[in-house]
Amino acid sequence: MAVRSTSRSGDEGAVPSASIRYADGSVRTVPFSQVRRADFAESVPWRQFRSVRGQRHYSGTYMAATTGGPIVHESRLELARLLLADFDPVVRGIYSQSCRLVARVGDRVRRHVPDFLLVTRSGTVGGPDLAG
């Protein structure tokens, strides 16, 4: 599990993976089959959140009871989903834009940064639709 840069190399996506960013600027790329909750312990959101006058979306910070700290969101829709996750008794952890997912689908490499990663009471890690 080496630290690699976020540059797009030719073999990216050959093995489905998650790239996780840390506060020191390092990025760790882990194959899906080896991703563990502990990999996200010191992670930071994949993108930086900015607010500028006149922007069309509503980004901000929400103080979550589940985590006891701030969680960033990029829109009112994300805030609404964040509120649902925070009040769900099954959810034990919430990570905002925790990683960048990369996988080859057919002949194309696909990339996606999920809005939230939720950790359930049972230790299961997944997106908001898996928190039940």
C-alpha atoms as a PDB file:
ATOM      1  CA  MET A   1       0.000   0.000   0.000  1.00  0.00           C
ATOM      2  CA  ALA A   2       2.382   2.625  -1.236  1.00  0.00           C
ATOM      3  CA  VAL A   3       1.897   6.344  -1.308  1.00  0.00           C
ATOM      4  CA  ARG A   4       1.449   7.504  -4.879  1.00  0.00           C
ATOM      5  CA  SER A   5       0.678  10.775  -6.530  1.00  0.00           C
ATOM      6  CA  THR A   6      -2.759  11.479  -7.949  1.00  0.00           C
ATOM      7  CA  SER A   7      -1.513  11.696 -11.544  1.00  0.00           C
ATOM      8  CA  ARG A   8      -3.371   9.676 -14.120  1.00  0.00           C
ATOM      9  CA  SER A   9      -1.147   6.873 -15.300  1.00  0.00           C
ATOM     10  CA  GLY A  10      -1.878   4.511 -18.146  1.00  0.00           C
ATOM     11  CA  ASP A  11      -2.505   1.477 -15.907  1.00  0.00           C
ATOM     12  CA  GLU A  12      -4.884   3.289 -13.552  1.00  0.00           C
ATOM     13  CA  GLY A  13      -8.113   1.372 -13.144  1.00  0.00           C
ATOM     14  CA  ALA A  14      -6.604  -2.017 -13.975  1.00  0.00           C
ATOM     15  CA  VAL A  15      -7.437  -3.026 -10.385  1.00  0.00           C
ATOM     16  CA  PRO A  16     -10.456  -1.263  -8.804  1.00  0.00           C
ATOM     17  CA  SER A  17      -9.049   0.929  -6.049  1.00  0.00           C
ATOM     18  CA  ALA A  18      -9.666   3.747  -3.593  1.00  0.00           C
ATOM     19  CA  SER A  19      -7.222   6.639  -3.263  1.00  0.00           C
ATOM     20  CA  ILE A  20      -7.283   8.207   0.201  1.00  0.00           C
ATOM     21  CA  ARG A  21      -5.790  11.645   0.964  1.00  0.00           C
ATOM     22  CA  TYR A  22      -4.186  12.525   4.297  1.00  0.00           C
ATOM     23  CA  ALA A  23      -3.489  15.843   6.064  1.00  0.00           C
ATOM     24  CA  ASP A  24       0.235  15.695   5.258  1.00  0.00           C
ATOM     25  CA  GLY A  25      -0.601  15.724   1.531  1.00  0.00           C
ATOM     26  CA  SER A  26       0.133  12.055   0.931  1.00  0.00           C
ATOM     27  CA  VAL A  27      -2.232   9.829  -1.024  1.00  0.00           C
ATOM     28  CA  ARG A  28      -2.598   6.125  -0.369  1.00  0.00           C
ATOM     29  CA  THR A  29      -4.058   3.925  -3.110  1.00  0.00           C
ATOM     30  CA  VAL A  30      -5.600   0.706  -1.839  1.00  0.00           C
ATOM     31  CA  PRO A  31      -7.278  -2.078  -3.886  1.00  0.00           C
ATOM     32  CA  PHE A  32     -11.002  -2.394  -3.053  1.00  0.00           C
ATOM     33  CA  SER A  33     -10.485  -5.851  -1.593  1.00  0.00           C
ATOM     34  CA  GLN A  34      -8.023  -4.442   0.966  1.00  0.00           C
ATOM     35  CA  VAL A  35      -9.827  -1.242   2.040  1.00  0.00           C
ATOM     36  CA  ARG A  36     -10.444  -1.147   5.792  1.00  0.00           C
ATOM     37  CA  ARG A  37     -12.101   1.379   8.099  1.00  0.00           C
ATOM     38  CA  ALA A  38      -8.701   2.131   9.674  1.00  0.00           C
ATOM     39  CA  ASP A  39      -7.512   3.505   6.304  1.00  0.00           C
ATOM     40  CA  PHE A  40      -9.841   6.497   6.811  1.00  0.00           C
ATOM     41  CA  ALA A  41      -8.891   7.305  10.420  1.00  0.00           C
ATOM     42  CA  GLU A  42      -6.630  10.276   9.571  1.00  0.00           C
ATOM     43  CA  SER A  43      -8.024  11.040   6.110  1.00  0.00           C
ATOM     44  CA  VAL A  44      -9.135  14.446   4.857  1.00  0.00           C
ATOM     45  CA  PRO A  45     -11.786  15.223   2.209  1.00  0.00           C
ATOM     46  CA  TRP A  46     -10.628  14.542  -1.343  1.00  0.00           C
ATOM     47  CA  ARG A  47     -11.550  18.047  -2.580  1.00  0.00           C
ATOM     48  CA  GLN A  48     -11.211  21.386  -0.837  1.00  0.00           C
ATOM     49  CA  PHE A  49     -14.482  23.193  -0.208  1.00  0.00           C
ATOM     50  CA  ARG A  50     -14.678  26.829  -1.220  1.00  0.00           C
ATOM     51  CA  SER A  51     -17.312  29.492  -0.758  1.00  0.00           C
ATOM     52  CA  VAL A  52     -17.459  32.537  -2.992  1.00  0.00           C
ATOM     53  CA  ARG A  53     -20.045  35.243  -3.295  1.00  0.00           C
ATOM     54  CA  GLY A  54     -22.730  34.363  -5.821  1.00  0.00           C
ATOM     55  CA  GLN A  55     -22.032  30.624  -6.027  1.00  0.00           C
ATOM     56  CA  ARG A  56     -25.067  28.530  -6.882  1.00  0.00           C
ATOM     57  CA  HIS A  57     -24.591  25.790  -4.309  1.00  0.00           C
ATOM     58  CA  TYR A  58     -24.491  25.941  -0.529  1.00  0.00           C
ATOM     59  CA  SER A  59     -21.330  24.466   0.948  1.00  0.00           C
ATOM     60  CA  GLY A  60     -20.569  24.523   4.630  1.00  0.00           C
ATOM     61  CA  THR A  61     -19.640  22.671   7.784  1.00  0.00           C
ATOM     62  CA  TYR A  62     -22.008  20.679   9.981  1.00  0.00           C
ATOM     63  CA  MET A  63     -21.129  19.750  13.577  1.00  0.00           C
ATOM     64  CA  ALA A  64     -22.205  16.109  13.757  1.00  0.00           C
ATOM     65  CA  ALA A  65     -23.180  14.417  17.002  1.00  0.00           C
ATOM     66  CA  THR A  66     -22.139  11.044  15.551  1.00  0.00           C
ATOM     67  CA  THR A  67     -18.510  12.078  15.078  1.00  0.00           C
ATOM     68  CA  GLY A  68     -18.313  14.834  17.679  1.00  0.00           C
ATOM     69  CA  GLY A  69     -16.758  17.123  15.095  1.00  0.00           C
ATOM     70  CA  PRO A  70     -17.219  19.019  11.851  1.00  0.00           C
ATOM     71  CA  ILE A  71     -18.198  17.406   8.556  1.00  0.00           C
ATOM     72  CA  VAL A  72     -18.106  19.407   5.320  1.00  0.00           C
ATOM     73  CA  HIS A  73     -20.785  19.338   2.627  1.00  0.00           C
ATOM     74  CA  GLU A  74     -21.077  20.923  -0.833  1.00  0.00           C
ATOM     75  CA  SER A  75     -24.827  21.398  -1.254  1.00  0.00           C
ATOM     76  CA  ARG A  76     -28.147  21.497   0.568  1.00  0.00           C
ATOM     77  CA  LEU A  77     -28.896  18.022  -0.747  1.00  0.00           C
ATOM     78  CA  GLU A  78     -25.680  16.718   0.853  1.00  0.00           C
ATOM     79  CA  LEU A  79     -26.569  18.540   4.086  1.00  0.00           C
ATOM     80  CA  ALA A  80     -29.992  16.872   4.110  1.00  0.00           C
ATOM     81  CA  ARG A  81     -28.403  13.426   3.663  1.00  0.00           C
ATOM     82  CA  LEU A  82     -25.837  14.252   6.317  1.00  0.00           C
ATOM     83  CA  LEU A  83     -28.606  15.112   8.790  1.00  0.00           C
ATOM     84  CA  LEU A  84     -30.303  11.770   8.104  1.00  0.00           C
ATOM     85  CA  ALA A  85     -27.042   9.906   8.678  1.00  0.00           C
ATOM     86  CA  ASP A  86     -26.301  11.858  11.879  1.00  0.00           C
ATOM     87  CA  PHE A  87     -29.687  10.957  13.365  1.00  0.00           C
ATOM     88  CA  ASP A  88     -29.546   7.300  12.268  1.00  0.00           C
ATOM     89  CA  PRO A  89     -28.700   5.171  15.348  1.00  0.00           C
ATOM     90  CA  VAL A  90     -27.026   2.556  13.138  1.00  0.00           C
ATOM     91  CA  VAL A  91     -24.393   5.015  11.838  1.00  0.00           C
ATOM     92  CA  ARG A  92     -21.232   5.181  13.976  1.00  0.00           C
ATOM     93  CA  GLY A  93     -18.920   7.147  11.680  1.00  0.00           C
ATOM     94  CA  ILE A  94     -19.242   9.669   8.838  1.00  0.00           C
ATOM     95  CA  TYR A  95     -16.434  10.655   6.460  1.00  0.00           C
ATOM     96  CA  SER A  96     -16.958  13.416   3.895  1.00  0.00           C
ATOM     97  CA  GLN A  97     -15.503  12.807   0.408  1.00  0.00           C
ATOM     98  CA  SER A  98     -13.307  10.158   1.947  1.00  0.00           C
ATOM     99  CA  CYS A  99     -11.653   8.859  -1.227  1.00  0.00           C
ATOM    100  CA  ARG A 100     -11.549   8.762  -5.009  1.00  0.00           C
ATOM    101  CA  LEU A 101     -12.764   5.481  -6.464  1.00  0.00           C
ATOM    102  CA  VAL A 102     -11.209   4.270  -9.716  1.00  0.00           C
ATOM    103  CA  ALA A 103     -12.240   1.235 -11.761  1.00  0.00           C
ATOM    104  CA  ARG A 104     -12.179   0.100 -15.350  1.00  0.00           C
ATOM    105  CA  VAL A 105     -15.669  -0.362 -16.767  1.00  0.00           C
ATOM    106  CA  GLY A 106     -15.548  -1.894 -20.208  1.00  0.00           C
ATOM    107  CA  ASP A 107     -12.798  -0.065 -22.063  1.00  0.00           C
ATOM    108  CA  ARG A 108     -12.977   3.140 -19.978  1.00  0.00           C
ATOM    109  CA  VAL A 109     -11.482   4.106 -16.631  1.00  0.00           C
ATOM    110  CA  ARG A 110     -14.142   5.615 -14.370  1.00  0.00           C
ATOM    111  CA  ARG A 111     -13.449   7.895 -11.389  1.00  0.00           C
ATOM    112  CA  HIS A 112     -15.860   8.978  -8.659  1.00  0.00           C
ATOM    113  CA  VAL A 113     -15.586  10.824  -5.334  1.00  0.00           C
ATOM    114  CA  PRO A 114     -18.520   9.743  -3.127  1.00  0.00           C
ATOM    115  CA  ASP A 115     -20.148  12.459  -0.994  1.00  0.00           C
ATOM    116  CA  PHE A 116     -20.024  10.456   2.235  1.00  0.00           C
ATOM    117  CA  LEU A 117     -18.712   7.187   3.607  1.00  0.00           C
ATOM    118  CA  LEU A 118     -20.759   5.817   6.500  1.00  0.00           C
ATOM    119  CA  VAL A 119     -19.657   3.286   9.099  1.00  0.00           C
ATOM    120  CA  THR A 120     -22.458   1.267  10.701  1.00  0.00           C
ATOM    121  CA  ARG A 121     -22.792  -0.263  14.151  1.00  0.00           C
ATOM    122  CA  SER A 122     -21.724  -3.648  12.747  1.00  0.00           C
ATOM    123  CA  GLY A 123     -18.547  -2.108  11.295  1.00  0.00           C
ATOM    124  CA  THR A 124     -19.791  -2.230   7.709  1.00  0.00           C
ATOM    125  CA  VAL A 125     -18.445   0.597   5.573  1.00  0.00           C
ATOM    126  CA  GLY A 126     -20.445   1.934   2.640  1.00  0.00           C
ATOM    127  CA  GLY A 127     -22.316   4.812   1.091  1.00  0.00           C
ATOM    128  CA  PRO A 128     -25.431   6.459   2.531  1.00  0.00           C
ATOM    129  CA  ASP A 129     -27.736   3.947   0.837  1.00  0.00           C
ATOM    130  CA  LEU A 130     -26.026   1.081   2.721  1.00  0.00           C
ATOM    131  CA  ALA A 131     -26.510   2.451   6.231  1.00  0.00           C
ATOM    132  CA  GLY A 132     -29.475   0.342   7.197  1.00  0.00           C
END
